């Protein structure tokens, strides 16, 4: 099990379920707000989406706002990301037409540190699943 990041800030939660291994709980919290629905999910698609976001953050270049494709447990939310020189601006809202956008700014260094820890845990889970 892994809870990565600081409570009330940017966090990623990774909890694998035995014997499913490739599946479990994957949750992102932005300023304490969970944006996933907490249902069981496959780790790999989320790994790929956030790995792409990490590559953009590591490039150091600003990037215009775009919609993150996080999939299944996040389908009820629209999540956008925009890169500045030093931060990632996450904008999110439920897909209900009456919902309001929330915005959370996460320092790129904080995002990358938390993501690297979570990515290492996901990689270990997937490697164990491939061994069985």
C-alpha atoms as a PDB file:
ATOM      1  CA  UNK A   1       0.000   0.000   0.000  1.00  0.00           C
ATOM      2  CA  UNK A   2       1.198   3.476  -0.647  1.00  0.00           C
ATOM      3  CA  UNK A   3       0.002   6.944   0.182  1.00  0.00           C
ATOM      4  CA  UNK A   4       2.368   9.405  -1.418  1.00  0.00           C
ATOM      5  CA  UNK A   5       2.462  13.154  -0.793  1.00  0.00           C
ATOM      6  CA  UNK A   6       1.344  15.401   2.044  1.00  0.00           C
ATOM      7  CA  UNK A   7      -2.162  15.359   3.541  1.00  0.00           C
ATOM      8  CA  UNK A   8      -4.168  18.323   2.306  1.00  0.00           C
ATOM      9  CA  UNK A   9      -1.830  18.814  -0.663  1.00  0.00           C
ATOM     10  CA  UNK A  10      -1.118  16.722  -3.728  1.00  0.00           C
ATOM     11  CA  UNK A  11      -1.401  13.001  -2.997  1.00  0.00           C
ATOM     12  CA  UNK A  12      -1.582   9.737  -4.880  1.00  0.00           C
ATOM     13  CA  UNK A  13      -2.930   6.586  -3.242  1.00  0.00           C
ATOM     14  CA  UNK A  14      -2.021   3.160  -4.626  1.00  0.00           C
ATOM     15  CA  UNK A  15      -3.527   0.070  -2.979  1.00  0.00           C
ATOM     16  CA  UNK A  16      -3.216  -3.272  -4.734  1.00  0.00           C
ATOM     17  CA  UNK A  17      -5.770  -6.001  -4.150  1.00  0.00           C
ATOM     18  CA  UNK A  18      -4.632  -9.587  -3.830  1.00  0.00           C
ATOM     19  CA  UNK A  19      -4.965 -11.781  -5.859  1.00  0.00           C
ATOM     20  CA  UNK A  20      -5.915  -9.345  -8.649  1.00  0.00           C
ATOM     21  CA  UNK A  21      -2.495  -7.629  -8.564  1.00  0.00           C
ATOM     22  CA  UNK A  22      -2.877  -5.513 -11.709  1.00  0.00           C
ATOM     23  CA  UNK A  23      -5.970  -3.924 -10.163  1.00  0.00           C
ATOM     24  CA  UNK A  24      -6.604  -1.921  -7.040  1.00  0.00           C
ATOM     25  CA  UNK A  25      -7.372   1.516  -5.733  1.00  0.00           C
ATOM     26  CA  UNK A  26      -5.766   4.444  -7.539  1.00  0.00           C
ATOM     27  CA  UNK A  27      -6.753   7.832  -6.185  1.00  0.00           C
ATOM     28  CA  UNK A  28      -5.501  11.369  -6.778  1.00  0.00           C
ATOM     29  CA  UNK A  29      -6.153  14.028  -4.154  1.00  0.00           C
ATOM     30  CA  UNK A  30      -5.783  17.722  -4.971  1.00  0.00           C
ATOM     31  CA  UNK A  31      -5.802  19.931  -1.867  1.00  0.00           C
ATOM     32  CA  UNK A  32      -7.529  17.066  -0.071  1.00  0.00           C
ATOM     33  CA  UNK A  33     -10.219  16.634  -2.762  1.00  0.00           C
ATOM     34  CA  UNK A  34     -10.399  13.084  -4.133  1.00  0.00           C
ATOM     35  CA  UNK A  35     -11.042  13.186  -7.851  1.00  0.00           C
ATOM     36  CA  UNK A  36     -11.464   9.442  -8.420  1.00  0.00           C
ATOM     37  CA  UNK A  37     -14.538   7.492  -7.383  1.00  0.00           C
ATOM     38  CA  UNK A  38     -12.605   4.952  -5.294  1.00  0.00           C
ATOM     39  CA  UNK A  39     -13.609   1.908  -7.333  1.00  0.00           C
ATOM     40  CA  UNK A  40     -11.260  -0.902  -8.346  1.00  0.00           C
ATOM     41  CA  UNK A  41      -9.250  -0.046 -11.430  1.00  0.00           C
ATOM     42  CA  UNK A  42      -6.394  -1.281 -13.606  1.00  0.00           C
ATOM     43  CA  UNK A  43      -3.188   0.561 -12.720  1.00  0.00           C
ATOM     44  CA  UNK A  44      -1.491   0.611 -16.109  1.00  0.00           C
ATOM     45  CA  UNK A  45      -3.701   3.165 -17.947  1.00  0.00           C
ATOM     46  CA  UNK A  46      -3.340   5.650 -15.062  1.00  0.00           C
ATOM     47  CA  UNK A  47       0.389   4.991 -14.964  1.00  0.00           C
ATOM     48  CA  UNK A  48       0.663   5.881 -18.666  1.00  0.00           C
ATOM     49  CA  UNK A  49      -1.410   9.077 -18.372  1.00  0.00           C
ATOM     50  CA  UNK A  50       0.549  10.434 -15.420  1.00  0.00           C
ATOM     51  CA  UNK A  51       3.874   9.325 -16.887  1.00  0.00           C
ATOM     52  CA  UNK A  52       3.064  11.510 -19.912  1.00  0.00           C
ATOM     53  CA  UNK A  53       2.211  14.413 -17.588  1.00  0.00           C
ATOM     54  CA  UNK A  54       5.497  13.870 -15.737  1.00  0.00           C
ATOM     55  CA  UNK A  55       7.445  14.032 -19.006  1.00  0.00           C
ATOM     56  CA  UNK A  56       5.783  17.367 -19.790  1.00  0.00           C
ATOM     57  CA  UNK A  57       6.637  18.652 -16.308  1.00  0.00           C
ATOM     58  CA  UNK A  58      10.250  17.500 -16.637  1.00  0.00           C
ATOM     59  CA  UNK A  59      10.635  19.313 -19.956  1.00  0.00           C
ATOM     60  CA  UNK A  60      10.412  22.590 -18.055  1.00  0.00           C
ATOM     61  CA  UNK A  61       8.379  24.141 -20.836  1.00  0.00           C
ATOM     62  CA  UNK A  62       4.991  25.779 -20.356  1.00  0.00           C
ATOM     63  CA  UNK A  63       2.104  23.899 -21.970  1.00  0.00           C
ATOM     64  CA  UNK A  64      -1.380  25.160 -22.718  1.00  0.00           C
ATOM     65  CA  UNK A  65      -4.388  23.722 -20.933  1.00  0.00           C
ATOM     66  CA  UNK A  66      -5.477  20.286 -22.119  1.00  0.00           C
ATOM     67  CA  UNK A  67      -7.841  17.597 -20.896  1.00  0.00           C
ATOM     68  CA  UNK A  68      -6.213  14.696 -19.069  1.00  0.00           C
ATOM     69  CA  UNK A  69      -7.543  11.323 -20.110  1.00  0.00           C
ATOM     70  CA  UNK A  70      -7.497   9.453 -16.798  1.00  0.00           C
ATOM     71  CA  UNK A  71     -10.186   6.872 -17.563  1.00  0.00           C
ATOM     72  CA  UNK A  72     -12.577   4.669 -15.644  1.00  0.00           C
ATOM     73  CA  UNK A  73     -12.527   5.716 -11.967  1.00  0.00           C
ATOM     74  CA  UNK A  74     -12.176   9.319 -13.116  1.00  0.00           C
ATOM     75  CA  UNK A  75     -14.885   9.223 -15.818  1.00  0.00           C
ATOM     76  CA  UNK A  76     -17.292  11.231 -13.662  1.00  0.00           C
ATOM     77  CA  UNK A  77     -14.811  14.146 -13.650  1.00  0.00           C
ATOM     78  CA  UNK A  78     -13.281  16.379 -16.255  1.00  0.00           C
ATOM     79  CA  UNK A  79      -9.681  17.053 -15.310  1.00  0.00           C
ATOM     80  CA  UNK A  80      -7.561  19.560 -17.220  1.00  0.00           C
ATOM     81  CA  UNK A  81      -3.904  20.418 -16.732  1.00  0.00           C
ATOM     82  CA  UNK A  82      -1.871  23.443 -17.729  1.00  0.00           C
ATOM     83  CA  UNK A  83       1.889  23.853 -17.263  1.00  0.00           C
ATOM     84  CA  UNK A  84       3.552  27.041 -16.226  1.00  0.00           C
ATOM     85  CA  UNK A  85       7.302  27.373 -15.759  1.00  0.00           C
ATOM     86  CA  UNK A  86       7.076  26.226 -12.127  1.00  0.00           C
ATOM     87  CA  UNK A  87       3.688  24.632 -11.535  1.00  0.00           C
ATOM     88  CA  UNK A  88       0.887  22.495 -12.886  1.00  0.00           C
ATOM     89  CA  UNK A  89      -2.553  24.037 -12.704  1.00  0.00           C
ATOM     90  CA  UNK A  90      -5.191  21.323 -12.346  1.00  0.00           C
ATOM     91  CA  UNK A  91      -8.775  22.285 -13.111  1.00  0.00           C
ATOM     92  CA  UNK A  92     -11.481  19.777 -12.320  1.00  0.00           C
ATOM     93  CA  UNK A  93     -15.247  19.470 -12.052  1.00  0.00           C
ATOM     94  CA  UNK A  94     -17.847  16.755 -12.227  1.00  0.00           C
ATOM     95  CA  UNK A  95     -19.386  16.165 -15.622  1.00  0.00           C
ATOM     96  CA  UNK A  96     -22.700  17.443 -14.264  1.00  0.00           C
ATOM     97  CA  UNK A  97     -23.441  20.597 -16.264  1.00  0.00           C
ATOM     98  CA  UNK A  98     -24.252  22.524 -13.058  1.00  0.00           C
ATOM     99  CA  UNK A  99     -20.939  21.813 -11.360  1.00  0.00           C
ATOM    100  CA  UNK A 100     -18.281  24.455 -10.822  1.00  0.00           C
ATOM    101  CA  UNK A 101     -14.626  24.284 -11.731  1.00  0.00           C
ATOM    102  CA  UNK A 102     -12.104  23.925  -8.920  1.00  0.00           C
ATOM    103  CA  UNK A 103      -8.509  24.862  -9.536  1.00  0.00           C
ATOM    104  CA  UNK A 104      -5.459  23.650  -7.679  1.00  0.00           C
ATOM    105  CA  UNK A 105      -1.879  24.642  -8.366  1.00  0.00           C
ATOM    106  CA  UNK A 106       0.811  22.026  -7.664  1.00  0.00           C
ATOM    107  CA  UNK A 107       4.505  22.837  -7.770  1.00  0.00           C
ATOM    108  CA  UNK A 108       6.193  20.813 -10.530  1.00  0.00           C
ATOM    109  CA  UNK A 109       8.847  19.570  -8.108  1.00  0.00           C
ATOM    110  CA  UNK A 110       6.186  18.357  -5.667  1.00  0.00           C
ATOM    111  CA  UNK A 111       4.226  16.653  -8.450  1.00  0.00           C
ATOM    112  CA  UNK A 112       7.331  14.910  -9.773  1.00  0.00           C
ATOM    113  CA  UNK A 113       8.477  13.756  -6.327  1.00  0.00           C
ATOM    114  CA  UNK A 114       5.058  12.312  -5.451  1.00  0.00           C
ATOM    115  CA  UNK A 115       4.596  10.785  -8.900  1.00  0.00           C
ATOM    116  CA  UNK A 116       8.026   9.100  -8.865  1.00  0.00           C
ATOM    117  CA  UNK A 117       7.192   7.393  -5.567  1.00  0.00           C
ATOM    118  CA  UNK A 118       3.759   6.278  -6.788  1.00  0.00           C
ATOM    119  CA  UNK A 119       5.158   5.178 -10.174  1.00  0.00           C
ATOM    120  CA  UNK A 120       7.790   3.032  -8.462  1.00  0.00           C
ATOM    121  CA  UNK A 121       5.045   1.333  -6.412  1.00  0.00           C
ATOM    122  CA  UNK A 122       2.906   0.709  -9.504  1.00  0.00           C
ATOM    123  CA  UNK A 123       5.918  -0.670 -11.393  1.00  0.00           C
ATOM    124  CA  UNK A 124       6.624  -3.066  -8.505  1.00  0.00           C
ATOM    125  CA  UNK A 125       2.982  -4.210  -8.419  1.00  0.00           C
ATOM    126  CA  UNK A 126       2.940  -4.816 -12.175  1.00  0.00           C
ATOM    127  CA  UNK A 127       6.278  -6.666 -12.064  1.00  0.00           C
ATOM    128  CA  UNK A 128       4.933  -8.971  -9.322  1.00  0.00           C
ATOM    129  CA  UNK A 129       1.773  -9.583 -11.367  1.00  0.00           C
ATOM    130  CA  UNK A 130       3.875 -10.582 -14.366  1.00  0.00           C
ATOM    131  CA  UNK A 131       5.826 -13.073 -12.239  1.00  0.00           C
ATOM    132  CA  UNK A 132       2.710 -14.913 -11.109  1.00  0.00           C
END
